[in-house]
Amino acid sequence: MPKGYWIGRVDVGDEEKYKAYIAANAAPFAAHGARFLVRGGQFHAGEGTARQRNVVIEFPSYQAALDCWNSAGYQAARDLRMGAAVAEILVIEGYEGPQPS
């Protein structure tokens, strides 16, 4: 079964309010088996418009990623982010097919 991922691009406007969002999202992420693969860090914007922060979170399955997004715990955390940051977040299924050789 393919894993699930969240891909997020974020511009933070209010660091203090954003810290509250980070604190609040820890429990729903843990409950749904989330693992950060990318959390901020250096990046090169090779094409298109970049945001300040980039995040990739891995979940055991696409369904787990959706369940986390739809959970009451994450939605409460998301409400804390509103007004503190502008974000684009995709919930996406991983790929397990052939790879280039």
PDB file of N, CA and C in Angstrom:
ATOM      1  N   MET A   1       0.850  -1.176   0.000  1.00  0.00           N
ATOM      2  CA  MET A   1       0.000   0.000   0.000  1.00  0.00           C
ATOM      3  C   MET A   1       0.897   1.242   0.000  1.00  0.00           C
ATOM      4  N   PRO A   2       0.658   2.184  -0.906  1.00  0.00           N
ATOM      5  CA  PRO A   2       1.484   3.395  -0.945  1.00  0.00           C
ATOM      6  C   PRO A   2       1.319   4.242   0.313  1.00  0.00           C
ATOM      7  N   LYS A   3       2.384   4.887   0.669  1.00  0.00           N
ATOM      8  CA  LYS A   3       2.324   5.821   1.791  1.00  0.00           C
ATOM      9  C   LYS A   3       1.581   7.075   1.370  1.00  0.00           C
ATOM     10  N   GLY A   4       1.210   7.871   2.350  1.00  0.00           N
ATOM     11  CA  GLY A   4       0.579   9.152   2.091  1.00  0.00           C
ATOM     12  C   GLY A   4       1.498  10.273   2.528  1.00  0.00           C
ATOM     13  N   TYR A   5       1.326  11.423   1.940  1.00  0.00           N
ATOM     14  CA  TYR A   5       2.194  12.566   2.234  1.00  0.00           C
ATOM     15  C   TYR A   5       1.383  13.843   2.315  1.00  0.00           C
ATOM     16  N   TRP A   6       1.875  14.742   3.123  1.00  0.00           N
ATOM     17  CA  TRP A   6       1.439  16.134   3.067  1.00  0.00           C
ATOM     18  C   TRP A   6       2.606  16.910   2.491  1.00  0.00           C
ATOM     19  N   ILE A   7       2.337  17.751   1.529  1.00  0.00           N
ATOM     20  CA  ILE A   7       3.334  18.664   0.991  1.00  0.00           C
ATOM     21  C   ILE A   7       2.827  20.064   1.272  1.00  0.00           C
ATOM     22  N   GLY A   8       3.588  20.802   2.046  1.00  0.00           N
ATOM     23  CA  GLY A   8       3.172  22.139   2.444  1.00  0.00           C
ATOM     24  C   GLY A   8       4.182  23.199   2.055  1.00  0.00           C
ATOM     25  N   ARG A   9       3.655  24.340   1.644  1.00  0.00           N
ATOM     26  CA  ARG A   9       4.472  25.522   1.359  1.00  0.00           C
ATOM     27  C   ARG A   9       3.855  26.647   2.177  1.00  0.00           C
ATOM     28  N   VAL A  10       4.673  27.329   2.978  1.00  0.00           N
ATOM     29  CA  VAL A  10       4.137  28.246   3.984  1.00  0.00           C
ATOM     30  C   VAL A  10       4.935  29.544   4.029  1.00  0.00           C
ATOM     31  N   ASP A  11       4.203  30.654   4.121  1.00  0.00           N
ATOM     32  CA  ASP A  11       4.783  31.958   4.459  1.00  0.00           C
ATOM     33  C   ASP A  11       4.248  32.328   5.832  1.00  0.00           C
ATOM     34  N   VAL A  12       5.146  32.481   6.791  1.00  0.00           N
ATOM     35  CA  VAL A  12       4.764  32.804   8.163  1.00  0.00           C
ATOM     36  C   VAL A  12       4.813  34.312   8.352  1.00  0.00           C
ATOM     37  N   GLY A  13       3.708  34.871   8.845  1.00  0.00           N
ATOM     38  CA  GLY A  13       3.638  36.305   9.099  1.00  0.00           C
ATOM     39  C   GLY A  13       3.750  36.644  10.574  1.00  0.00           C
ATOM     40  N   ASP A  14       3.304  35.724  11.449  1.00  0.00           N
ATOM     41  CA  ASP A  14       3.317  35.944  12.890  1.00  0.00           C
ATOM     42  C   ASP A  14       3.950  34.725  13.555  1.00  0.00           C
ATOM     43  N   GLU A  15       5.237  34.841  13.849  1.00  0.00           N
ATOM     44  CA  GLU A  15       5.995  33.707  14.405  1.00  0.00           C
ATOM     45  C   GLU A  15       5.410  33.187  15.709  1.00  0.00           C
ATOM     46  N   GLU A  16       4.965  34.063  16.600  1.00  0.00           N
ATOM     47  CA  GLU A  16       4.439  33.627  17.890  1.00  0.00           C
ATOM     48  C   GLU A  16       3.162  32.816  17.726  1.00  0.00           C
ATOM     49  N   LYS A  17       2.250  33.274  16.892  1.00  0.00           N
ATOM     50  CA  LYS A  17       1.018  32.516  16.652  1.00  0.00           C
ATOM     51  C   LYS A  17       1.327  31.201  15.936  1.00  0.00           C
ATOM     52  N   TYR A  18       2.314  31.218  15.071  1.00  0.00           N
ATOM     53  CA  TYR A  18       2.676  30.004  14.346  1.00  0.00           C
ATOM     54  C   TYR A  18       3.252  28.951  15.298  1.00  0.00           C
ATOM     55  N   LYS A  19       3.960  29.387  16.321  1.00  0.00           N
ATOM     56  CA  LYS A  19       4.481  28.450  17.334  1.00  0.00           C
ATOM     57  C   LYS A  19       3.345  27.714  18.027  1.00  0.00           C
ATOM     58  N   ALA A  20       2.227  28.399  18.260  1.00  0.00           N
ATOM     59  CA  ALA A  20       1.071  27.750  18.888  1.00  0.00           C
ATOM     60  C   ALA A  20       0.512  26.665  17.958  1.00  0.00           C
ATOM     61  N   TYR A  21       0.497  26.923  16.670  1.00  0.00           N
ATOM     62  CA  TYR A  21       0.057  25.930  15.685  1.00  0.00           C
ATOM     63  C   TYR A  21       0.974  24.709  15.715  1.00  0.00           C
ATOM     64  N   ILE A  22       2.270  24.937  15.745  1.00  0.00           N
ATOM     65  CA  ILE A  22       3.234  23.827  15.778  1.00  0.00           C
ATOM     66  C   ILE A  22       3.031  22.972  17.022  1.00  0.00           C
ATOM     67  N   ALA A  23       2.843  23.615  18.158  1.00  0.00           N
ATOM     68  CA  ALA A  23       2.622  22.873  19.406  1.00  0.00           C
ATOM     69  C   ALA A  23       1.331  22.057  19.332  1.00  0.00           C
ATOM     70  N   ALA A  24       0.302  22.633  18.741  1.00  0.00           N
ATOM     71  CA  ALA A  24      -1.000  21.968  18.688  1.00  0.00           C
ATOM     72  C   ALA A  24      -1.069  20.847  17.667  1.00  0.00           C
ATOM     73  N   ASN A  25      -0.226  20.882  16.632  1.00  0.00           N
ATOM     74  CA  ASN A  25      -0.325  19.830  15.615  1.00  0.00           C
ATOM     75  C   ASN A  25       0.457  18.571  15.985  1.00  0.00           C
ATOM     76  N   ALA A  26       1.276  18.626  17.016  1.00  0.00           N
ATOM     77  CA  ALA A  26       2.111  17.475  17.384  1.00  0.00           C
ATOM     78  C   ALA A  26       1.277  16.243  17.743  1.00  0.00           C
ATOM     79  N   ALA A  27       0.230  16.404  18.530  1.00  0.00           N
ATOM     80  CA  ALA A  27      -0.575  15.246  18.952  1.00  0.00           C
ATOM     81  C   ALA A  27      -1.304  14.585  17.783  1.00  0.00           C
ATOM     82  N   PRO A  28      -1.999  15.348  16.919  1.00  0.00           N
ATOM     83  CA  PRO A  28      -2.636  14.661  15.794  1.00  0.00           C
ATOM     84  C   PRO A  28      -1.633  14.018  14.838  1.00  0.00           C
ATOM     85  N   PHE A  29      -0.479  14.649  14.646  1.00  0.00           N
ATOM     86  CA  PHE A  29       0.532  14.031  13.795  1.00  0.00           C
ATOM     87  C   PHE A  29       0.988  12.699  14.399  1.00  0.00           C
ATOM     88  N   ALA A  30       1.286  12.683  15.685  1.00  0.00           N
ATOM     89  CA  ALA A  30       1.732  11.453  16.341  1.00  0.00           C
ATOM     90  C   ALA A  30       0.651  10.374  16.276  1.00  0.00           C
ATOM     91  N   ALA A  31      -0.604  10.768  16.491  1.00  0.00           N
ATOM     92  CA  ALA A  31      -1.707   9.808  16.486  1.00  0.00           C
ATOM     93  C   ALA A  31      -1.913   9.146  15.129  1.00  0.00           C
ATOM     94  N   HIS A  32      -1.468   9.798  14.051  1.00  0.00           N
ATOM     95  CA  HIS A  32      -1.671   9.263  12.703  1.00  0.00           C
ATOM     96  C   HIS A  32      -0.367   8.770  12.065  1.00  0.00           C
ATOM     97  N   GLY A  33       0.686   8.632  12.871  1.00  0.00           N
ATOM     98  CA  GLY A  33       1.933   8.048  12.381  1.00  0.00           C
ATOM     99  C   GLY A  33       2.755   8.950  11.490  1.00  0.00           C
ATOM    100  N   ALA A  34       2.636  10.264  11.652  1.00  0.00           N
ATOM    101  CA  ALA A  34       3.366  11.214  10.802  1.00  0.00           C
ATOM    102  C   ALA A  34       4.860  11.191  11.091  1.00  0.00           C
ATOM    103  N   ARG A  35       5.626  11.432  10.039  1.00  0.00           N
ATOM    104  CA  ARG A  35       7.084  11.545  10.149  1.00  0.00           C
ATOM    105  C   ARG A  35       7.539  12.646   9.201  1.00  0.00           C
ATOM    106  N   PHE A  36       8.223  13.648   9.752  1.00  0.00           N
ATOM    107  CA  PHE A  36       8.707  14.747   8.916  1.00  0.00           C
ATOM    108  C   PHE A  36       9.888  14.278   8.076  1.00  0.00           C
ATOM    109  N   LEU A  37       9.799  14.480   6.772  1.00  0.00           N
ATOM    110  CA  LEU A  37      10.919  14.232   5.864  1.00  0.00           C
ATOM    111  C   LEU A  37      11.619  15.541   5.532  1.00  0.00           C
ATOM    112  N   VAL A  38      10.839  16.605   5.441  1.00  0.00           N
ATOM    113  CA  VAL A  38      11.356  17.958   5.195  1.00  0.00           C
ATOM    114  C   VAL A  38      10.614  18.870   6.151  1.00  0.00           C
ATOM    115  N   ARG A  39      11.353  19.715   6.863  1.00  0.00           N
ATOM    116  CA  ARG A  39      10.726  20.666   7.790  1.00  0.00           C
ATOM    117  C   ARG A  39      11.565  21.931   7.785  1.00  0.00           C
ATOM    118  N   GLY A  40      11.237  22.821   6.857  1.00  0.00           N
ATOM    119  CA  GLY A  40      12.046  24.028   6.706  1.00  0.00           C
ATOM    120  C   GLY A  40      13.317  23.662   5.972  1.00  0.00           C
ATOM    121  N   GLY A  41      14.409  24.204   6.399  1.00  0.00           N
ATOM    122  CA  GLY A  41      15.695  23.877   5.794  1.00  0.00           C
ATOM    123  C   GLY A  41      15.979  24.662   4.527  1.00  0.00           C
ATOM    124  N   GLN A  42      17.182  24.507   4.071  1.00  0.00           N
ATOM    125  CA  GLN A  42      17.616  25.207   2.860  1.00  0.00           C
ATOM    126  C   GLN A  42      16.878  24.663   1.641  1.00  0.00           C
ATOM    127  N   PHE A  43      16.666  25.533   0.662  1.00  0.00           N
ATOM    128  CA  PHE A  43      16.075  25.081  -0.586  1.00  0.00           C
ATOM    129  C   PHE A  43      16.504  25.998  -1.720  1.00  0.00           C
ATOM    130  N   HIS A  44      16.378  25.477  -2.901  1.00  0.00           N
ATOM    131  CA  HIS A  44      16.633  26.231  -4.126  1.00  0.00           C
ATOM    132  C   HIS A  44      15.340  26.241  -4.916  1.00  0.00           C
ATOM    133  N   ALA A  45      14.814  27.406  -5.220  1.00  0.00           N
ATOM    134  CA  ALA A  45      13.600  27.521  -6.017  1.00  0.00           C
ATOM    135  C   ALA A  45      13.989  27.459  -7.488  1.00  0.00           C
ATOM    136  N   GLY A  46      13.987  26.272  -8.045  1.00  0.00           N
ATOM    137  CA  GLY A  46      14.403  26.079  -9.424  1.00  0.00           C
ATOM    138  C   GLY A  46      13.431  26.643 -10.440  1.00  0.00           C
ATOM    139  N   GLU A  47      12.164  26.711 -10.064  1.00  0.00           N
ATOM    140  CA  GLU A  47      11.161  27.201 -10.999  1.00  0.00           C
ATOM    141  C   GLU A  47       9.913  27.589 -10.214  1.00  0.00           C
ATOM    142  N   GLY A  48       9.255  28.635 -10.619  1.00  0.00           N
ATOM    143  CA  GLY A  48       8.019  29.061  -9.970  1.00  0.00           C
ATOM    144  C   GLY A  48       8.266  29.942  -8.760  1.00  0.00           C
ATOM    145  N   THR A  49       7.177  30.253  -8.070  1.00  0.00           N
ATOM    146  CA  THR A  49       7.226  31.125  -6.911  1.00  0.00           C
ATOM    147  C   THR A  49       7.435  30.296  -5.650  1.00  0.00           C
ATOM    148  N   ALA A  50       8.385  30.680  -4.840  1.00  0.00           N
ATOM    149  CA  ALA A  50       8.678  29.960  -3.601  1.00  0.00           C
ATOM    150  C   ALA A  50       7.985  30.618  -2.420  1.00  0.00           C
ATOM    151  N   ARG A  51       7.823  29.856  -1.366  1.00  0.00           N
ATOM    152  CA  ARG A  51       7.377  30.362  -0.076  1.00  0.00           C
ATOM    153  C   ARG A  51       8.539  30.216   0.904  1.00  0.00           C
ATOM    154  N   GLN A  52       8.392  30.797   2.099  1.00  0.00           N
ATOM    155  CA  GLN A  52       9.478  30.800   3.082  1.00  0.00           C
ATOM    156  C   GLN A  52       9.845  29.406   3.587  1.00  0.00           C
ATOM    157  N   ARG A  53       8.835  28.573   3.805  1.00  0.00           N
ATOM    158  CA  ARG A  53       9.055  27.258   4.413  1.00  0.00           C
ATOM    159  C   ARG A  53       8.429  26.179   3.530  1.00  0.00           C
ATOM    160  N   ASN A  54       9.076  25.036   3.506  1.00  0.00           N
ATOM    161  CA  ASN A  54       8.567  23.869   2.788  1.00  0.00           C
ATOM    162  C   ASN A  54       8.558  22.689   3.749  1.00  0.00           C
ATOM    163  N   VAL A  55       7.502  21.879   3.670  1.00  0.00           N
ATOM    164  CA  VAL A  55       7.349  20.755   4.581  1.00  0.00           C
ATOM    165  C   VAL A  55       6.867  19.546   3.785  1.00  0.00           C
ATOM    166  N   VAL A  56       7.452  18.381   4.060  1.00  0.00           N
ATOM    167  CA  VAL A  56       6.957  17.117   3.535  1.00  0.00           C
ATOM    168  C   VAL A  56       6.815  16.185   4.731  1.00  0.00           C
ATOM    169  N   ILE A  57       5.594  15.698   4.932  1.00  0.00           N
ATOM    170  CA  ILE A  57       5.304  14.806   6.053  1.00  0.00           C
ATOM    171  C   ILE A  57       4.823  13.479   5.487  1.00  0.00           C
ATOM    172  N   GLU A  58       5.428  12.392   5.952  1.00  0.00           N
ATOM    173  CA  GLU A  58       5.077  11.049   5.491  1.00  0.00           C
ATOM    174  C   GLU A  58       4.125  10.395   6.491  1.00  0.00           C
ATOM    175  N   PHE A  59       3.134   9.682   5.965  1.00  0.00           N
ATOM    176  CA  PHE A  59       2.183   8.920   6.774  1.00  0.00           C
ATOM    177  C   PHE A  59       2.224   7.463   6.317  1.00  0.00           C
ATOM    178  N   PRO A  60       1.804   6.531   7.157  1.00  0.00           N
ATOM    179  CA  PRO A  60       1.848   5.114   6.776  1.00  0.00           C
ATOM    180  C   PRO A  60       1.024   4.787   5.530  1.00  0.00           C
ATOM    181  N   SER A  61      -0.010   5.592   5.262  1.00  0.00           N
ATOM    182  CA  SER A  61      -0.860   5.360   4.094  1.00  0.00           C
ATOM    183  C   SER A  61      -1.526   6.676   3.704  1.00  0.00           C
ATOM    184  N   TYR A  62      -2.074   6.692   2.504  1.00  0.00           N
ATOM    185  CA  TYR A  62      -2.833   7.859   2.053  1.00  0.00           C
ATOM    186  C   TYR A  62      -4.033   8.087   2.968  1.00  0.00           C
ATOM    187  N   GLN A  63      -4.689   6.998   3.375  1.00  0.00           N
ATOM    188  CA  GLN A  63      -5.850   7.127   4.257  1.00  0.00           C
ATOM    189  C   GLN A  63      -5.454   7.748   5.593  1.00  0.00           C
ATOM    190  N   ALA A  64      -4.305   7.356   6.141  1.00  0.00           N
ATOM    191  CA  ALA A  64      -3.838   7.948   7.399  1.00  0.00           C
ATOM    192  C   ALA A  64      -3.584   9.446   7.236  1.00  0.00           C
ATOM    193  N   ALA A  65      -3.040   9.831   6.074  1.00  0.00           N
ATOM    194  CA  ALA A  65      -2.796  11.252   5.802  1.00  0.00           C
ATOM    195  C   ALA A  65      -4.112  12.019   5.734  1.00  0.00           C
ATOM    196  N   LEU A  66      -5.112  11.447   5.071  1.00  0.00           N
ATOM    197  CA  LEU A  66      -6.432  12.076   5.005  1.00  0.00           C
ATOM    198  C   LEU A  66      -7.098  12.129   6.375  1.00  0.00           C
ATOM    199  N   ASP A  67      -6.989  11.023   7.116  1.00  0.00           N
ATOM    200  CA  ASP A  67      -7.604  10.977   8.444  1.00  0.00           C
ATOM    201  C   ASP A  67      -6.995  12.034   9.357  1.00  0.00           C
ATOM    202  N   CYS A  68      -5.694  12.238   9.264  1.00  0.00           N
ATOM    203  CA  CYS A  68      -5.050  13.281  10.069  1.00  0.00           C
ATOM    204  C   CYS A  68      -5.586  14.647   9.674  1.00  0.00           C
ATOM    205  N   TRP A  69      -5.641  14.909   8.369  1.00  0.00           N
ATOM    206  CA  TRP A  69      -6.138  16.207   7.900  1.00  0.00           C
ATOM    207  C   TRP A  69      -7.547  16.473   8.427  1.00  0.00           C
ATOM    208  N   ASN A  70      -8.392  15.459   8.383  1.00  0.00           N
ATOM    209  CA  ASN A  70      -9.791  15.608   8.766  1.00  0.00           C
ATOM    210  C   ASN A  70     -10.043  15.476  10.262  1.00  0.00           C
ATOM    211  N   SER A  71      -9.017  15.152  11.029  1.00  0.00           N
ATOM    212  CA  SER A  71      -9.215  14.951  12.471  1.00  0.00           C
ATOM    213  C   SER A  71      -9.553  16.263  13.179  1.00  0.00           C
ATOM    214  N   ALA A  72     -10.321  16.139  14.231  1.00  0.00           N
ATOM    215  CA  ALA A  72     -10.673  17.316  15.036  1.00  0.00           C
ATOM    216  C   ALA A  72      -9.417  17.965  15.610  1.00  0.00           C
ATOM    217  N   GLY A  73      -8.445  17.148  15.999  1.00  0.00           N
ATOM    218  CA  GLY A  73      -7.208  17.691  16.564  1.00  0.00           C
ATOM    219  C   GLY A  73      -6.437  18.537  15.581  1.00  0.00           C
ATOM    220  N   TYR A  74      -6.307  18.047  14.328  1.00  0.00           N
ATOM    221  CA  TYR A  74      -5.573  18.854  13.355  1.00  0.00           C
ATOM    222  C   TYR A  74      -6.372  20.079  12.947  1.00  0.00           C
ATOM    223  N   GLN A  75      -7.665  19.949  12.790  1.00  0.00           N
ATOM    224  CA  GLN A  75      -8.461  21.111  12.393  1.00  0.00           C
ATOM    225  C   GLN A  75      -8.404  22.204  13.459  1.00  0.00           C
ATOM    226  N   ALA A  76      -8.342  21.822  14.739  1.00  0.00           N
ATOM    227  CA  ALA A  76      -8.178  22.819  15.803  1.00  0.00           C
ATOM    228  C   ALA A  76      -6.811  23.492  15.695  1.00  0.00           C
ATOM    229  N   ALA A  77      -5.781  22.709  15.387  1.00  0.00           N
ATOM    230  CA  ALA A  77      -4.443  23.285  15.196  1.00  0.00           C
ATOM    231  C   ALA A  77      -4.446  24.218  13.983  1.00  0.00           C
ATOM    232  N   ARG A  78      -5.076  23.788  12.918  1.00  0.00           N
ATOM    233  CA  ARG A  78      -5.155  24.599  11.699  1.00  0.00           C
ATOM    234  C   ARG A  78      -5.810  25.947  11.980  1.00  0.00           C
ATOM    235  N   ASP A  79      -6.839  25.945  12.799  1.00  0.00           N
ATOM    236  CA  ASP A  79      -7.491  27.209  13.160  1.00  0.00           C
ATOM    237  C   ASP A  79      -6.509  28.179  13.812  1.00  0.00           C
ATOM    238  N   LEU A  80      -5.544  27.648  14.572  1.00  0.00           N
ATOM    239  CA  LEU A  80      -4.521  28.495  15.200  1.00  0.00           C
ATOM    240  C   LEU A  80      -3.585  29.109  14.164  1.00  0.00           C
ATOM    241  N   ARG A  81      -3.398  28.402  13.051  1.00  0.00           N
ATOM    242  CA  ARG A  81      -2.507  28.891  11.997  1.00  0.00           C
ATOM    243  C   ARG A  81      -3.131  30.032  11.207  1.00  0.00           C
ATOM    244  N   MET A  82      -4.455  30.052  11.138  1.00  0.00           N
ATOM    245  CA  MET A  82      -5.136  31.090  10.369  1.00  0.00           C
ATOM    246  C   MET A  82      -4.772  32.469  10.925  1.00  0.00           C
ATOM    247  N   GLY A  83      -4.369  33.356  10.043  1.00  0.00           N
ATOM    248  CA  GLY A  83      -3.945  34.685  10.457  1.00  0.00           C
ATOM    249  C   GLY A  83      -2.475  34.763  10.820  1.00  0.00           C
ATOM    250  N   ALA A  84      -1.854  33.614  11.057  1.00  0.00           N
ATOM    251  CA  ALA A  84      -0.430  33.585  11.383  1.00  0.00           C
ATOM    252  C   ALA A  84       0.419  33.260  10.166  1.00  0.00           C
ATOM    253  N   ALA A  85      -0.180  32.570   9.185  1.00  0.00           N
ATOM    254  CA  ALA A  85       0.577  32.121   8.018  1.00  0.00           C
ATOM    255  C   ALA A  85      -0.365  31.886   6.843  1.00  0.00           C
ATOM    256  N   VAL A  86       0.206  31.965   5.660  1.00  0.00           N
ATOM    257  CA  VAL A  86      -0.485  31.592   4.432  1.00  0.00           C
ATOM    258  C   VAL A  86       0.132  30.271   3.984  1.00  0.00           C
ATOM    259  N   ALA A  87      -0.712  29.274   3.725  1.00  0.00           N
ATOM    260  CA  ALA A  87      -0.175  27.952   3.402  1.00  0.00           C
ATOM    261  C   ALA A  87      -0.913  27.324   2.234  1.00  0.00           C
ATOM    262  N   GLU A  88      -0.193  26.498   1.527  1.00  0.00           N
ATOM    263  CA  GLU A  88      -0.748  25.592   0.527  1.00  0.00           C
ATOM    264  C   GLU A  88      -0.359  24.202   0.989  1.00  0.00           C
ATOM    265  N   ILE A  89      -1.328  23.333   1.186  1.00  0.00           N
ATOM    266  CA  ILE A  89      -1.038  21.980   1.664  1.00  0.00           C
ATOM    267  C   ILE A  89      -1.752  20.980   0.771  1.00  0.00           C
ATOM    268  N   LEU A  90      -1.008  20.025   0.254  1.00  0.00           N
ATOM    269  CA  LEU A  90      -1.561  18.922  -0.528  1.00  0.00           C
ATOM    270  C   LEU A  90      -1.497  17.655   0.305  1.00  0.00           C
ATOM    271  N   VAL A  91      -2.550  16.864   0.263  1.00  0.00           N
ATOM    272  CA  VAL A  91      -2.532  15.510   0.812  1.00  0.00           C
ATOM    273  C   VAL A  91      -2.494  14.609  -0.408  1.00  0.00           C
ATOM    274  N   ILE A  92      -1.432  13.800  -0.509  1.00  0.00           N
ATOM    275  CA  ILE A  92      -1.190  13.092  -1.767  1.00  0.00           C
ATOM    276  C   ILE A  92      -0.739  11.656  -1.517  1.00  0.00           C
ATOM    277  N   GLU A  93      -1.134  10.790  -2.412  1.00  0.00           N
ATOM    278  CA  GLU A  93      -0.732   9.380  -2.332  1.00  0.00           C
ATOM    279  C   GLU A  93       0.650   9.207  -2.918  1.00  0.00           C
ATOM    280  N   GLY A  94       1.457   8.377  -2.259  1.00  0.00           N
ATOM    281  CA  GLY A  94       2.786   8.071  -2.746  1.00  0.00           C
ATOM    282  C   GLY A  94       2.750   7.182  -3.985  1.00  0.00           C
ATOM    283  N   TYR A  95       3.901   6.990  -4.586  1.00  0.00           N
ATOM    284  CA  TYR A  95       4.041   6.220  -5.817  1.00  0.00           C
ATOM    285  C   TYR A  95       4.927   5.025  -5.550  1.00  0.00           C
ATOM    286  N   GLU A  96       4.481   3.858  -5.996  1.00  0.00           N
ATOM    287  CA  GLU A  96       5.270   2.630  -5.804  1.00  0.00           C
ATOM    288  C   GLU A  96       5.574   1.926  -7.122  1.00  0.00           C
ATOM    289  N   GLY A  97       5.463   2.636  -8.236  1.00  0.00           N
ATOM    290  CA  GLY A  97       5.686   2.029  -9.542  1.00  0.00           C
ATOM    291  C   GLY A  97       7.137   2.033  -9.946  1.00  0.00           C
ATOM    292  N   PRO A  98       7.395   1.734 -11.218  1.00  0.00           N
ATOM    293  CA  PRO A  98       8.758   1.681 -11.737  1.00  0.00           C
ATOM    294  C   PRO A  98       9.474   3.031 -11.590  1.00  0.00           C
ATOM    295  N   GLN A  99      10.776   2.943 -11.431  1.00  0.00           N
ATOM    296  CA  GLN A  99      11.622   4.128 -11.293  1.00  0.00           C
ATOM    297  C   GLN A  99      12.603   4.198 -12.460  1.00  0.00           C
ATOM    298  N   PRO A 100      13.093   5.396 -12.747  1.00  0.00           N
ATOM    299  CA  PRO A 100      14.101   5.494 -13.815  1.00  0.00           C
ATOM    300  C   PRO A 100      15.339   4.687 -13.448  1.00  0.00           C
ATOM    301  N   SER A 101      15.980   4.154 -14.434  1.00  0.00           N
ATOM    302  CA  SER A 101      17.202   3.394 -14.155  1.00  0.00           C
ATOM    303  C   SER A 101      18.421   4.056 -14.736  1.00  0.00           C
TER     304      SER A 101
END
